[in-house]
N, C-alpha and C. Protein backbone atom coordinates (compact mmCIF):
# COMPACT_ATOMS: atom_id res chain seq x y z
N UNK A 1 0.84 -1.18 0.00
CA UNK A 1 0.00 0.00 0.00
C UNK A 1 0.88 1.24 0.00
N UNK A 2 0.56 2.22 -0.82
CA UNK A 2 1.34 3.45 -0.89
C UNK A 2 1.16 4.28 0.38
N UNK A 3 2.16 5.12 0.66
CA UNK A 3 2.10 5.98 1.85
C UNK A 3 0.85 6.86 1.82
N UNK A 4 0.55 7.42 0.65
CA UNK A 4 -0.60 8.32 0.56
C UNK A 4 -1.89 7.60 0.93
N UNK A 5 -2.04 6.37 0.45
CA UNK A 5 -3.25 5.61 0.73
C UNK A 5 -3.35 5.30 2.22
N UNK A 6 -2.24 4.95 2.85
CA UNK A 6 -2.23 4.66 4.28
C UNK A 6 -2.64 5.89 5.07
N UNK A 7 -2.10 7.05 4.72
CA UNK A 7 -2.44 8.28 5.44
C UNK A 7 -3.92 8.61 5.26
N UNK A 8 -4.38 8.56 4.04
CA UNK A 8 -5.79 8.89 3.76
C UNK A 8 -6.72 7.90 4.45
N UNK A 9 -6.38 6.62 4.40
CA UNK A 9 -7.22 5.61 5.05
C UNK A 9 -7.32 5.84 6.56
N UNK A 10 -6.22 6.26 7.17
CA UNK A 10 -6.24 6.53 8.62
C UNK A 10 -7.23 7.64 8.94
N UNK A 11 -7.28 8.68 8.12
CA UNK A 11 -8.20 9.80 8.36
C UNK A 11 -9.63 9.37 8.05
N UNK A 12 -9.80 8.52 7.05
CA UNK A 12 -11.14 8.00 6.75
C UNK A 12 -11.68 7.21 7.94
N UNK A 13 -10.83 6.47 8.61
CA UNK A 13 -11.25 5.73 9.80
C UNK A 13 -11.67 6.67 10.92
N UNK A 14 -10.94 7.76 11.09
CA UNK A 14 -11.31 8.76 12.10
C UNK A 14 -12.69 9.32 11.79
N UNK A 15 -12.92 9.67 10.53
CA UNK A 15 -14.22 10.20 10.13
C UNK A 15 -15.31 9.15 10.33
N UNK A 16 -15.06 7.92 9.92
CA UNK A 16 -16.03 6.84 10.08
C UNK A 16 -16.41 6.68 11.55
N UNK A 17 -15.41 6.69 12.42
CA UNK A 17 -15.69 6.56 13.86
C UNK A 17 -16.49 7.74 14.38
N UNK A 18 -16.22 8.95 13.88
CA UNK A 18 -17.00 10.12 14.28
C UNK A 18 -18.46 9.98 13.84
N UNK A 19 -18.66 9.41 12.66
CA UNK A 19 -20.03 9.20 12.17
C UNK A 19 -20.74 8.16 13.04
N UNK A 20 -20.05 7.07 13.32
CA UNK A 20 -20.65 6.02 14.17
C UNK A 20 -20.97 6.59 15.55
N UNK A 21 -20.01 7.30 16.15
CA UNK A 21 -20.25 7.89 17.47
C UNK A 21 -21.44 8.84 17.44
N UNK A 22 -21.58 9.61 16.36
CA UNK A 22 -22.70 10.55 16.24
C UNK A 22 -24.02 9.82 16.07
N UNK A 23 -24.00 8.72 15.35
CA UNK A 23 -25.25 8.02 15.10
C UNK A 23 -25.76 7.28 16.32
N UNK A 24 -24.86 6.90 17.23
CA UNK A 24 -25.30 6.21 18.45
C UNK A 24 -25.31 7.16 19.65
N UNK A 25 -24.94 8.41 19.40
CA UNK A 25 -24.89 9.41 20.47
C UNK A 25 -26.27 9.85 20.90
N UNK A 26 -26.30 10.86 21.73
CA UNK A 26 -27.56 11.30 22.32
C UNK A 26 -28.31 12.32 21.46
N UNK A 27 -27.68 12.84 20.39
CA UNK A 27 -28.36 13.84 19.57
C UNK A 27 -29.22 13.20 18.49
N UNK A 28 -30.48 13.55 18.47
CA UNK A 28 -31.35 13.11 17.38
C UNK A 28 -31.23 14.11 16.23
N UNK A 29 -31.71 13.74 15.06
CA UNK A 29 -31.67 14.66 13.93
C UNK A 29 -32.43 15.95 14.22
N UNK A 30 -33.46 15.88 15.06
CA UNK A 30 -34.23 17.07 15.41
C UNK A 30 -33.40 18.04 16.25
N UNK A 31 -32.44 17.51 16.99
CA UNK A 31 -31.58 18.35 17.85
C UNK A 31 -30.37 18.90 17.10
N UNK A 32 -30.09 18.37 15.94
CA UNK A 32 -28.94 18.79 15.14
C UNK A 32 -29.36 19.91 14.19
N UNK A 33 -28.47 20.83 13.91
CA UNK A 33 -28.78 21.89 12.93
C UNK A 33 -28.89 21.32 11.53
N UNK A 34 -28.07 20.32 11.24
CA UNK A 34 -28.12 19.61 9.96
C UNK A 34 -28.27 18.13 10.31
N UNK A 35 -29.28 17.45 9.76
CA UNK A 35 -29.43 16.02 10.07
C UNK A 35 -28.15 15.25 9.73
N UNK A 36 -27.84 14.25 10.51
CA UNK A 36 -26.60 13.50 10.34
C UNK A 36 -26.49 12.92 8.93
N UNK A 37 -27.58 12.37 8.40
CA UNK A 37 -27.50 11.76 7.08
C UNK A 37 -27.13 12.80 6.01
N UNK A 38 -27.57 14.05 6.18
CA UNK A 38 -27.21 15.10 5.22
C UNK A 38 -25.74 15.49 5.36
N UNK A 39 -25.25 15.54 6.59
CA UNK A 39 -23.82 15.82 6.79
C UNK A 39 -22.95 14.74 6.16
N UNK A 40 -23.32 13.49 6.35
CA UNK A 40 -22.54 12.39 5.78
C UNK A 40 -22.58 12.44 4.26
N UNK A 41 -23.76 12.63 3.71
CA UNK A 41 -23.91 12.73 2.26
C UNK A 41 -23.08 13.89 1.71
N UNK A 42 -23.08 15.01 2.42
CA UNK A 42 -22.29 16.19 2.02
C UNK A 42 -20.80 15.87 2.06
N UNK A 43 -20.34 15.23 3.12
CA UNK A 43 -18.91 14.89 3.21
C UNK A 43 -18.48 14.00 2.06
N UNK A 44 -19.28 13.01 1.74
CA UNK A 44 -18.94 12.12 0.62
C UNK A 44 -18.90 12.89 -0.70
N UNK A 45 -19.84 13.79 -0.89
CA UNK A 45 -19.87 14.60 -2.12
C UNK A 45 -18.70 15.54 -2.23
N UNK A 46 -18.32 16.17 -1.12
CA UNK A 46 -17.21 17.12 -1.17
C UNK A 46 -15.90 16.41 -1.49
N UNK A 47 -15.76 15.17 -1.05
CA UNK A 47 -14.54 14.41 -1.35
C UNK A 47 -14.42 14.19 -2.85
N UNK A 48 -15.50 13.85 -3.49
CA UNK A 48 -15.48 13.65 -4.95
C UNK A 48 -15.22 14.98 -5.65
N UNK A 49 -15.87 16.04 -5.18
CA UNK A 49 -15.67 17.35 -5.81
C UNK A 49 -14.24 17.84 -5.66
N UNK A 50 -13.64 17.65 -4.48
CA UNK A 50 -12.28 18.14 -4.27
C UNK A 50 -11.29 17.31 -5.08
N UNK A 51 -11.56 16.03 -5.25
CA UNK A 51 -10.68 15.20 -6.09
C UNK A 51 -10.67 15.72 -7.52
N UNK A 52 -11.85 15.97 -8.04
CA UNK A 52 -11.98 16.48 -9.40
C UNK A 52 -11.27 17.83 -9.56
N UNK A 53 -11.55 18.76 -8.66
CA UNK A 53 -10.95 20.09 -8.76
C UNK A 53 -9.44 20.06 -8.52
N UNK A 54 -8.98 19.22 -7.61
CA UNK A 54 -7.54 19.12 -7.34
C UNK A 54 -6.80 18.62 -8.57
N UNK A 55 -7.37 17.62 -9.23
CA UNK A 55 -6.74 17.12 -10.46
C UNK A 55 -6.72 18.21 -11.52
N UNK A 56 -7.82 18.90 -11.66
CA UNK A 56 -7.93 19.95 -12.66
C UNK A 56 -6.95 21.09 -12.39
N UNK A 57 -6.74 21.42 -11.10
CA UNK A 57 -5.89 22.56 -10.72
C UNK A 57 -4.45 22.14 -10.40
N UNK A 58 -4.17 20.85 -10.53
CA UNK A 58 -2.83 20.33 -10.24
C UNK A 58 -2.40 20.64 -8.80
N UNK A 59 -3.31 20.37 -7.86
CA UNK A 59 -3.05 20.55 -6.43
C UNK A 59 -3.07 19.17 -5.79
N UNK A 60 -2.25 18.95 -4.79
CA UNK A 60 -2.11 17.66 -4.14
C UNK A 60 -3.48 17.11 -3.71
N UNK A 61 -3.90 16.06 -4.39
CA UNK A 61 -5.23 15.50 -4.16
C UNK A 61 -5.35 14.85 -2.79
N UNK A 62 -4.32 14.16 -2.34
CA UNK A 62 -4.38 13.48 -1.04
C UNK A 62 -4.56 14.49 0.10
N UNK A 63 -3.84 15.58 0.06
CA UNK A 63 -3.97 16.60 1.10
C UNK A 63 -5.34 17.26 1.02
N UNK A 64 -5.82 17.48 -0.20
CA UNK A 64 -7.14 18.08 -0.38
C UNK A 64 -8.24 17.15 0.15
N UNK A 65 -8.16 15.87 -0.16
CA UNK A 65 -9.15 14.91 0.34
C UNK A 65 -9.11 14.86 1.87
N UNK A 66 -7.92 14.89 2.42
CA UNK A 66 -7.78 14.88 3.88
C UNK A 66 -8.49 16.09 4.49
N UNK A 67 -8.29 17.25 3.89
CA UNK A 67 -8.97 18.46 4.38
C UNK A 67 -10.49 18.31 4.30
N UNK A 68 -10.99 17.75 3.20
CA UNK A 68 -12.44 17.61 3.06
C UNK A 68 -12.99 16.58 4.04
N UNK A 69 -12.23 15.53 4.31
CA UNK A 69 -12.69 14.53 5.27
C UNK A 69 -12.93 15.16 6.65
N UNK A 70 -12.16 16.19 6.96
CA UNK A 70 -12.22 16.78 8.30
C UNK A 70 -12.91 18.15 8.35
N UNK A 71 -13.31 18.70 7.21
CA UNK A 71 -13.76 20.10 7.20
C UNK A 71 -15.03 20.37 8.00
N UNK A 72 -15.86 19.39 8.20
CA UNK A 72 -17.10 19.57 8.98
C UNK A 72 -17.18 18.60 10.15
N UNK A 73 -16.06 18.10 10.61
CA UNK A 73 -16.08 17.05 11.64
C UNK A 73 -16.71 17.52 12.95
N UNK A 74 -16.60 18.79 13.26
CA UNK A 74 -17.23 19.26 14.52
C UNK A 74 -18.75 19.17 14.42
N UNK A 75 -19.30 19.39 13.23
CA UNK A 75 -20.76 19.26 13.07
C UNK A 75 -21.20 17.82 13.31
N UNK A 76 -20.38 16.87 12.88
CA UNK A 76 -20.71 15.47 13.15
C UNK A 76 -20.74 15.22 14.65
N UNK A 77 -19.77 15.80 15.34
CA UNK A 77 -19.62 15.53 16.76
C UNK A 77 -20.66 16.23 17.63
N UNK A 78 -20.96 17.51 17.34
CA UNK A 78 -21.85 18.24 18.25
C UNK A 78 -23.16 18.71 17.61
N UNK A 79 -23.33 18.48 16.32
CA UNK A 79 -24.58 18.82 15.66
C UNK A 79 -24.79 20.29 15.42
N UNK A 80 -23.78 21.12 15.70
CA UNK A 80 -23.93 22.56 15.60
C UNK A 80 -23.12 23.15 14.44
N UNK A 81 -23.72 24.10 13.77
CA UNK A 81 -23.06 24.83 12.69
C UNK A 81 -22.24 26.00 13.24
N UNK A 82 -22.55 26.41 14.48
CA UNK A 82 -21.91 27.59 15.08
C UNK A 82 -20.41 27.34 15.24
N UNK A 83 -19.63 28.22 14.62
CA UNK A 83 -18.16 28.16 14.70
C UNK A 83 -17.61 26.81 14.25
N UNK A 84 -18.33 26.11 13.39
CA UNK A 84 -17.90 24.75 13.03
C UNK A 84 -16.57 24.74 12.27
N UNK A 85 -16.26 25.79 11.52
CA UNK A 85 -15.00 25.81 10.79
C UNK A 85 -13.81 25.90 11.76
N UNK A 86 -13.95 26.74 12.76
CA UNK A 86 -12.88 26.88 13.76
C UNK A 86 -12.75 25.60 14.57
N UNK A 87 -13.90 25.07 15.03
CA UNK A 87 -13.86 23.85 15.84
C UNK A 87 -13.34 22.66 15.02
N UNK A 88 -13.75 22.57 13.77
CA UNK A 88 -13.27 21.48 12.92
C UNK A 88 -11.77 21.59 12.67
N UNK A 89 -11.29 22.82 12.52
CA UNK A 89 -9.86 23.05 12.34
C UNK A 89 -9.06 22.56 13.56
N UNK A 90 -9.58 22.83 14.73
CA UNK A 90 -8.91 22.40 15.97
C UNK A 90 -8.91 20.88 16.10
N UNK A 91 -10.03 20.26 15.77
CA UNK A 91 -10.11 18.80 15.80
C UNK A 91 -9.15 18.21 14.77
N UNK A 92 -9.13 18.80 13.59
CA UNK A 92 -8.24 18.32 12.52
C UNK A 92 -6.78 18.39 12.95
N UNK A 93 -6.41 19.48 13.60
CA UNK A 93 -5.02 19.61 14.05
C UNK A 93 -4.67 18.48 15.02
N UNK A 94 -5.57 18.20 15.95
CA UNK A 94 -5.33 17.13 16.92
C UNK A 94 -5.23 15.77 16.22
N UNK A 95 -6.18 15.50 15.31
CA UNK A 95 -6.20 14.22 14.59
C UNK A 95 -4.92 14.03 13.77
N UNK A 96 -4.55 15.05 13.02
CA UNK A 96 -3.38 14.95 12.13
C UNK A 96 -2.08 14.88 12.92
N UNK A 97 -2.01 15.59 14.02
CA UNK A 97 -0.82 15.55 14.86
C UNK A 97 -0.69 14.17 15.51
N UNK A 98 -1.79 13.66 16.05
CA UNK A 98 -1.77 12.34 16.68
C UNK A 98 -1.48 11.23 15.69
N UNK A 99 -1.92 11.40 14.44
CA UNK A 99 -1.66 10.40 13.41
C UNK A 99 -0.16 10.24 13.19
N UNK A 100 0.56 11.34 13.23
CA UNK A 100 2.01 11.30 13.12
C UNK A 100 2.57 11.15 11.72
N UNK A 101 1.71 11.08 10.72
CA UNK A 101 2.17 10.88 9.35
C UNK A 101 2.11 12.14 8.50
N UNK A 102 1.71 13.24 9.10
CA UNK A 102 1.59 14.50 8.37
C UNK A 102 2.63 15.47 8.91
N UNK A 103 3.22 16.24 7.99
CA UNK A 103 4.21 17.23 8.41
C UNK A 103 3.51 18.44 9.00
N UNK A 104 4.26 19.25 9.73
CA UNK A 104 3.71 20.49 10.28
C UNK A 104 3.17 21.38 9.16
N UNK A 105 3.89 21.41 8.04
CA UNK A 105 3.45 22.22 6.90
C UNK A 105 2.11 21.72 6.36
N UNK A 106 1.97 20.42 6.21
CA UNK A 106 0.70 19.85 5.72
C UNK A 106 -0.43 20.11 6.70
N UNK A 107 -0.14 19.95 7.98
CA UNK A 107 -1.16 20.20 9.01
C UNK A 107 -1.60 21.66 8.97
N UNK A 108 -0.65 22.56 8.83
CA UNK A 108 -0.97 23.98 8.73
C UNK A 108 -1.82 24.29 7.51
N UNK A 109 -1.47 23.71 6.38
CA UNK A 109 -2.22 23.91 5.14
C UNK A 109 -3.66 23.43 5.28
N UNK A 110 -3.81 22.24 5.82
CA UNK A 110 -5.13 21.63 5.98
C UNK A 110 -5.97 22.41 7.00
N UNK A 111 -5.42 22.70 8.16
CA UNK A 111 -6.21 23.36 9.20
C UNK A 111 -6.57 24.79 8.82
N UNK A 112 -5.68 25.48 8.13
CA UNK A 112 -6.01 26.83 7.66
C UNK A 112 -7.15 26.80 6.66
N UNK A 113 -7.10 25.86 5.73
CA UNK A 113 -8.17 25.74 4.72
C UNK A 113 -9.50 25.40 5.38
N UNK A 114 -9.47 24.53 6.37
CA UNK A 114 -10.70 24.17 7.08
C UNK A 114 -11.27 25.41 7.78
N UNK A 115 -10.40 26.16 8.44
CA UNK A 115 -10.83 27.35 9.16
C UNK A 115 -11.46 28.38 8.22
N UNK A 116 -10.92 28.47 7.00
CA UNK A 116 -11.37 29.49 6.05
C UNK A 116 -12.46 29.01 5.10
N UNK A 117 -12.86 27.75 5.16
CA UNK A 117 -13.78 27.24 4.14
C UNK A 117 -15.16 27.88 4.15
N UNK A 118 -15.52 28.55 5.22
CA UNK A 118 -16.82 29.22 5.28
C UNK A 118 -16.74 30.67 4.78
N UNK A 119 -15.55 31.16 4.55
CA UNK A 119 -15.36 32.56 4.12
C UNK A 119 -15.31 32.63 2.59
N UNK A 120 -16.40 32.23 1.98
CA UNK A 120 -16.44 32.13 0.52
C UNK A 120 -16.52 33.49 -0.17
N UNK A 121 -16.77 34.53 0.59
CA UNK A 121 -16.80 35.88 0.02
C UNK A 121 -15.40 36.49 -0.04
N UNK A 122 -14.40 35.80 0.49
CA UNK A 122 -13.02 36.27 0.51
C UNK A 122 -12.16 35.37 -0.37
N UNK A 123 -11.03 35.89 -0.83
CA UNK A 123 -10.08 35.11 -1.62
C UNK A 123 -8.84 34.88 -0.76
N UNK A 124 -8.42 33.62 -0.69
CA UNK A 124 -7.25 33.22 0.09
C UNK A 124 -6.29 32.44 -0.81
N UNK A 125 -5.50 31.56 -0.25
CA UNK A 125 -4.53 30.79 -1.04
C UNK A 125 -5.24 29.85 -2.02
N UNK A 126 -4.48 29.35 -2.99
CA UNK A 126 -5.05 28.42 -3.97
C UNK A 126 -5.64 27.19 -3.28
N UNK A 127 -4.96 26.69 -2.25
CA UNK A 127 -5.46 25.51 -1.54
C UNK A 127 -6.74 25.85 -0.77
N UNK A 128 -6.77 26.99 -0.11
CA UNK A 128 -7.99 27.41 0.60
C UNK A 128 -9.16 27.54 -0.38
N UNK A 129 -8.89 28.11 -1.53
CA UNK A 129 -9.94 28.29 -2.54
C UNK A 129 -10.44 26.94 -3.06
N UNK A 130 -9.54 25.98 -3.21
CA UNK A 130 -9.92 24.64 -3.63
C UNK A 130 -10.93 24.04 -2.66
N UNK A 131 -10.66 24.14 -1.38
CA UNK A 131 -11.54 23.57 -0.36
C UNK A 131 -12.89 24.28 -0.36
N UNK A 132 -12.87 25.61 -0.45
CA UNK A 132 -14.13 26.37 -0.51
C UNK A 132 -14.93 26.00 -1.75
N UNK A 133 -14.24 25.89 -2.89
CA UNK A 133 -14.94 25.60 -4.15
C UNK A 133 -15.54 24.20 -4.15
N UNK A 134 -14.83 23.22 -3.60
CA UNK A 134 -15.38 21.86 -3.53
C UNK A 134 -16.61 21.83 -2.63
N UNK A 135 -16.55 22.55 -1.52
CA UNK A 135 -17.68 22.65 -0.59
C UNK A 135 -18.88 23.28 -1.30
N UNK A 136 -18.61 24.33 -2.02
CA UNK A 136 -19.68 25.04 -2.72
C UNK A 136 -20.25 24.21 -3.87
N UNK A 137 -19.38 23.53 -4.62
CA UNK A 137 -19.85 22.71 -5.74
C UNK A 137 -20.76 21.60 -5.24
N UNK A 138 -20.38 20.94 -4.15
CA UNK A 138 -21.25 19.90 -3.61
C UNK A 138 -22.59 20.49 -3.16
N UNK A 139 -22.55 21.65 -2.51
CA UNK A 139 -23.80 22.30 -2.10
C UNK A 139 -24.70 22.57 -3.29
N UNK A 140 -24.11 23.05 -4.36
CA UNK A 140 -24.88 23.34 -5.58
C UNK A 140 -25.45 22.05 -6.18
N UNK A 141 -24.63 21.01 -6.26
CA UNK A 141 -25.09 19.75 -6.85
C UNK A 141 -26.20 19.10 -6.04
N UNK A 142 -26.21 19.32 -4.73
CA UNK A 142 -27.26 18.76 -3.87
C UNK A 142 -28.52 19.60 -3.84
N UNK A 143 -28.37 20.90 -4.03
CA UNK A 143 -29.53 21.80 -3.98
C UNK A 143 -29.19 23.05 -4.78
N UNK A 144 -29.65 23.09 -6.00
CA UNK A 144 -29.32 24.20 -6.92
C UNK A 144 -29.70 25.57 -6.35
N UNK A 145 -30.64 25.61 -5.41
CA UNK A 145 -31.09 26.87 -4.84
C UNK A 145 -30.38 27.23 -3.54
N UNK A 146 -29.39 26.43 -3.14
CA UNK A 146 -28.76 26.63 -1.84
C UNK A 146 -27.68 27.70 -1.84
N UNK A 147 -27.25 28.13 -3.01
CA UNK A 147 -26.13 29.06 -3.10
C UNK A 147 -26.61 30.49 -2.96
N UNK A 148 -26.02 31.20 -2.03
CA UNK A 148 -26.33 32.61 -1.80
C UNK A 148 -26.05 33.40 -3.07
N UNK A 149 -26.95 34.29 -3.42
CA UNK A 149 -26.80 35.07 -4.66
C UNK A 149 -25.52 35.90 -4.68
N UNK A 150 -25.01 36.27 -3.51
CA UNK A 150 -23.77 37.05 -3.46
C UNK A 150 -22.56 36.22 -3.89
N UNK A 151 -22.73 34.91 -3.95
CA UNK A 151 -21.63 34.03 -4.33
C UNK A 151 -21.80 33.46 -5.74
N UNK A 152 -22.72 34.03 -6.50
CA UNK A 152 -23.00 33.53 -7.84
C UNK A 152 -21.78 33.58 -8.75
N UNK A 153 -20.98 34.63 -8.65
CA UNK A 153 -19.78 34.72 -9.49
C UNK A 153 -18.81 33.58 -9.19
N UNK A 154 -18.63 33.27 -7.92
CA UNK A 154 -17.76 32.14 -7.55
C UNK A 154 -18.30 30.85 -8.14
N UNK A 155 -19.59 30.62 -7.98
CA UNK A 155 -20.20 29.40 -8.51
C UNK A 155 -20.05 29.33 -10.02
N UNK A 156 -20.33 30.43 -10.71
CA UNK A 156 -20.22 30.44 -12.18
C UNK A 156 -18.80 30.09 -12.62
N UNK A 157 -17.81 30.60 -11.91
CA UNK A 157 -16.41 30.31 -12.23
C UNK A 157 -16.12 28.80 -12.07
N UNK A 158 -16.61 28.22 -11.00
CA UNK A 158 -16.41 26.77 -10.75
C UNK A 158 -17.10 25.96 -11.84
N UNK A 159 -18.34 26.30 -12.14
CA UNK A 159 -19.09 25.55 -13.15
C UNK A 159 -18.44 25.66 -14.53
N UNK A 160 -17.92 26.81 -14.86
CA UNK A 160 -17.19 26.98 -16.12
C UNK A 160 -15.94 26.12 -16.14
N UNK A 161 -15.24 26.09 -15.01
CA UNK A 161 -14.01 25.29 -14.91
C UNK A 161 -14.26 23.81 -15.16
N UNK A 162 -15.40 23.30 -14.70
CA UNK A 162 -15.70 21.87 -14.89
C UNK A 162 -16.64 21.64 -16.09
N UNK A 163 -16.76 22.65 -16.91
CA UNK A 163 -17.54 22.57 -18.15
C UNK A 163 -19.01 22.25 -17.92
N UNK A 164 -19.60 22.87 -16.92
CA UNK A 164 -21.05 22.72 -16.67
C UNK A 164 -21.77 24.02 -16.95
């Protein structure tokens, strides 16, 4: 097994365990801001979107997938959208540091992108933009009416990039 696959698989297991813990936890879908099944479906979609965009933009796909696996992990754990980007970034830092297979530079890249993924009205690094765009593309593909009109230019740029 390649190193990249081992690292990615380890993070997938962390996410899987967070999903299992959330599904057997005390929060019902009524108590969550986003039902668990929608969060899981969104996470799976964003992984596919980030893979596509990373290949298209020639950005490290493994690091991008890792960021997407963890970008909403706090919502899985506590059911809240409030400050989820910051909380997910903190959880990601702990997970990636404990894993021991990611460099400080990679951890910084991933956690910064997670923290900034909700700031779609701002422009940041190419990697940060990749994570935001994958998140937005999945949102659009799941619900064409979910995109805020103020972000239409960003969406149009993404759709043009993938020839849609």
